[in-house]
Protein backbone atom coordinates (compact mmCIF):
# COMPACT_ATOMS: atom_id res chain seq x y z
CA MET A 1 -40.17 -13.29 -24.13
CA PRO A 2 -37.36 -15.83 -23.88
CA SER A 3 -35.24 -15.49 -20.77
CA PRO A 4 -31.48 -16.28 -20.87
CA THR A 5 -30.04 -19.05 -18.97
CA VAL A 6 -26.57 -19.06 -17.46
CA LEU A 7 -24.76 -22.35 -16.95
CA VAL A 8 -21.34 -22.90 -15.37
CA VAL A 9 -19.16 -25.98 -15.70
CA ALA A 10 -15.96 -26.69 -14.09
CA LEU A 11 -13.50 -29.34 -15.58
CA ARG A 12 -10.42 -30.70 -13.91
CA GLY A 13 -7.76 -33.25 -14.75
CA PHE A 14 -8.44 -35.57 -17.67
CA GLY A 15 -11.65 -35.75 -19.57
CA ASP A 16 -13.25 -38.86 -20.85
CA ALA A 17 -16.24 -39.02 -23.06
CA SER A 18 -18.47 -39.48 -20.05
CA PHE A 19 -18.12 -35.82 -19.10
CA ALA A 20 -20.29 -34.92 -22.27
CA GLU A 21 -23.45 -36.62 -21.04
CA PRO A 22 -24.39 -34.37 -18.06
CA ILE A 23 -23.49 -31.23 -19.83
CA LEU A 24 -25.52 -32.05 -22.99
CA LYS A 25 -28.46 -33.38 -20.83
CA ALA A 26 -28.41 -30.04 -18.94
CA LEU A 27 -28.75 -28.13 -22.33
CA ASP A 28 -31.39 -30.47 -23.61
CA THR A 29 -33.55 -29.81 -20.59
CA LEU A 30 -33.70 -26.05 -21.02
CA SER A 31 -36.26 -24.09 -23.17
CA LYS A 32 -35.33 -24.24 -26.83
CA ARG A 33 -36.18 -20.62 -27.03
CA ASP A 34 -33.95 -19.13 -24.15
CA SER A 35 -30.47 -17.78 -25.11
CA LEU A 36 -27.74 -19.69 -23.29
CA HIS A 37 -24.59 -18.27 -21.77
CA LEU A 38 -22.36 -21.28 -21.05
CA PHE A 39 -19.07 -20.45 -18.99
CA VAL A 40 -16.44 -23.40 -18.53
CA ASP A 41 -13.87 -23.17 -16.09
CA ALA A 42 -11.38 -25.55 -17.84
CA ASP A 43 -8.27 -23.94 -15.92
CA GLY A 44 -7.48 -27.24 -14.27
CA PHE A 45 -8.39 -29.43 -17.40
CA VAL A 46 -5.04 -30.87 -18.78
CA ASN A 47 -6.28 -33.20 -21.44
CA TYR A 48 -9.09 -35.12 -22.82
CA GLN A 49 -10.24 -37.98 -25.08
CA SER A 50 -11.15 -36.68 -28.52
CA SER A 51 -14.43 -38.31 -28.35
CA LEU A 52 -15.35 -35.71 -25.61
CA ARG A 53 -14.65 -32.92 -27.88
CA THR A 54 -16.60 -34.45 -30.69
CA GLN A 55 -19.56 -35.16 -28.58
CA LEU A 56 -19.73 -31.78 -26.96
CA THR A 57 -19.14 -30.07 -30.37
CA THR A 58 -22.02 -32.24 -31.94
CA GLY A 59 -24.36 -31.41 -29.06
CA PHE A 60 -23.42 -27.61 -28.96
CA PHE A 61 -24.04 -27.48 -32.53
CA ALA A 62 -27.75 -27.84 -32.18
CA HIS A 63 -27.84 -24.99 -29.84
CA ARG A 64 -25.33 -22.71 -31.53
CA ARG A 65 -27.69 -20.04 -32.58
CA ARG A 66 -28.64 -19.29 -29.21
CA LEU A 67 -25.36 -20.22 -27.44
CA SER A 68 -22.52 -18.16 -26.32
CA LEU A 69 -19.66 -20.07 -24.89
CA GLN A 70 -16.85 -18.64 -22.68
CA VAL A 71 -13.88 -20.82 -21.90
CA MET A 72 -11.13 -20.35 -19.26
CA LEU A 73 -8.22 -22.70 -19.95
CA SER A 74 -4.39 -23.03 -19.45
CA SER A 75 -3.61 -26.21 -21.27
CA LYS A 76 -2.18 -25.82 -24.71
CA LEU A 77 -3.67 -29.32 -25.67
CA VAL A 78 -7.22 -28.22 -24.50
CA ALA A 79 -6.68 -24.85 -26.33
CA ILE A 80 -6.15 -26.65 -29.55
CA GLY A 81 -9.23 -28.78 -29.11
CA VAL A 82 -11.48 -25.75 -28.10
CA SER A 83 -10.18 -23.96 -31.30
CA VAL A 84 -11.14 -26.78 -33.57
CA ALA A 85 -14.70 -26.78 -31.88
CA ASN A 86 -14.96 -23.18 -32.21
CA LEU A 87 -14.48 -23.59 -36.10
CA ALA A 88 -16.96 -26.19 -36.40
CA LEU A 89 -19.50 -24.16 -34.23
CA GLY A 90 -19.06 -20.93 -36.23
CA GLY A 91 -16.93 -18.91 -33.90
CA ILE A 92 -19.29 -18.85 -30.91
CA VAL A 93 -16.33 -19.62 -28.44
CA THR A 94 -14.49 -17.05 -26.59
CA THR A 95 -11.39 -18.15 -24.70
CA THR A 96 -9.06 -16.68 -22.14
CA THR A 97 -6.15 -17.69 -19.98
CA ASP A 98 -6.84 -14.73 -17.57
CA ARG A 99 -8.72 -15.91 -14.62
CA ALA A 100 -9.82 -12.47 -13.56
CA HIS A 101 -11.10 -11.68 -16.97
CA PHE A 102 -12.97 -14.81 -17.11
CA MET A 103 -14.56 -14.07 -13.63
CA ALA A 104 -15.30 -10.65 -14.53
CA LYS A 105 -17.19 -11.68 -17.59
CA LEU A 106 -19.08 -14.36 -15.64
CA ASP A 107 -20.15 -11.84 -12.90
CA ALA A 108 -21.21 -9.39 -15.43
CA CYS A 109 -23.48 -12.06 -17.33
CA VAL A 110 -24.88 -13.10 -13.89
CA PHE A 111 -25.72 -9.61 -13.05
CA GLU A 112 -27.28 -8.88 -16.55
CA ASN A 113 -29.24 -11.77 -16.44
CA ARG A 114 -30.55 -11.20 -12.88
CA VAL A 115 -29.12 -14.48 -11.47
CA VAL A 116 -29.57 -14.66 -7.65
CA GLY A 117 -27.46 -16.59 -5.23
CA PHE A 118 -24.46 -17.22 -7.58
CA SER A 119 -21.13 -15.23 -8.29
CA SER A 120 -17.82 -16.27 -9.78
CA SER A 121 -16.44 -16.68 -6.25
CA THR A 122 -18.39 -19.92 -6.04
CA LEU A 123 -16.05 -21.51 -8.66
CA ASP A 124 -13.16 -20.70 -6.54
CA ALA A 125 -14.77 -22.37 -3.45
CA LEU A 126 -15.20 -25.51 -5.52
CA ARG A 127 -11.69 -25.67 -6.82
CA PHE A 128 -9.93 -28.81 -5.59
CA ASP A 129 -6.73 -26.90 -4.82
CA ALA A 130 -8.43 -24.22 -2.73
CA ALA A 131 -6.92 -23.73 0.74
């Protein structure tokens, strides 16, 4: 029986096309049978090159049948891009601007999939603006 995989990505600042490669490589190294839960903390992501969106959308498309994608964002420009990608991916993307909601969904997914040694508080510890 395939086991689910939980991936967490944090994006900050301006995204150029080079951001896509490590994310897509991580996806490609995983079993092709496992379900994937990708959480993207893009709360501090303000804008991006359109080639980043197209590369990620193309890369995610190959995994769309087993991929769920949760995105936390605050930028309206990023929200527009995520909406465009969601259309191309068949509606697998869920977005929120509510950090507490995003963290609760991440914690629930981590718990349900028995991920050890990780919680949503890790994201806050990695934030550049954390005190």
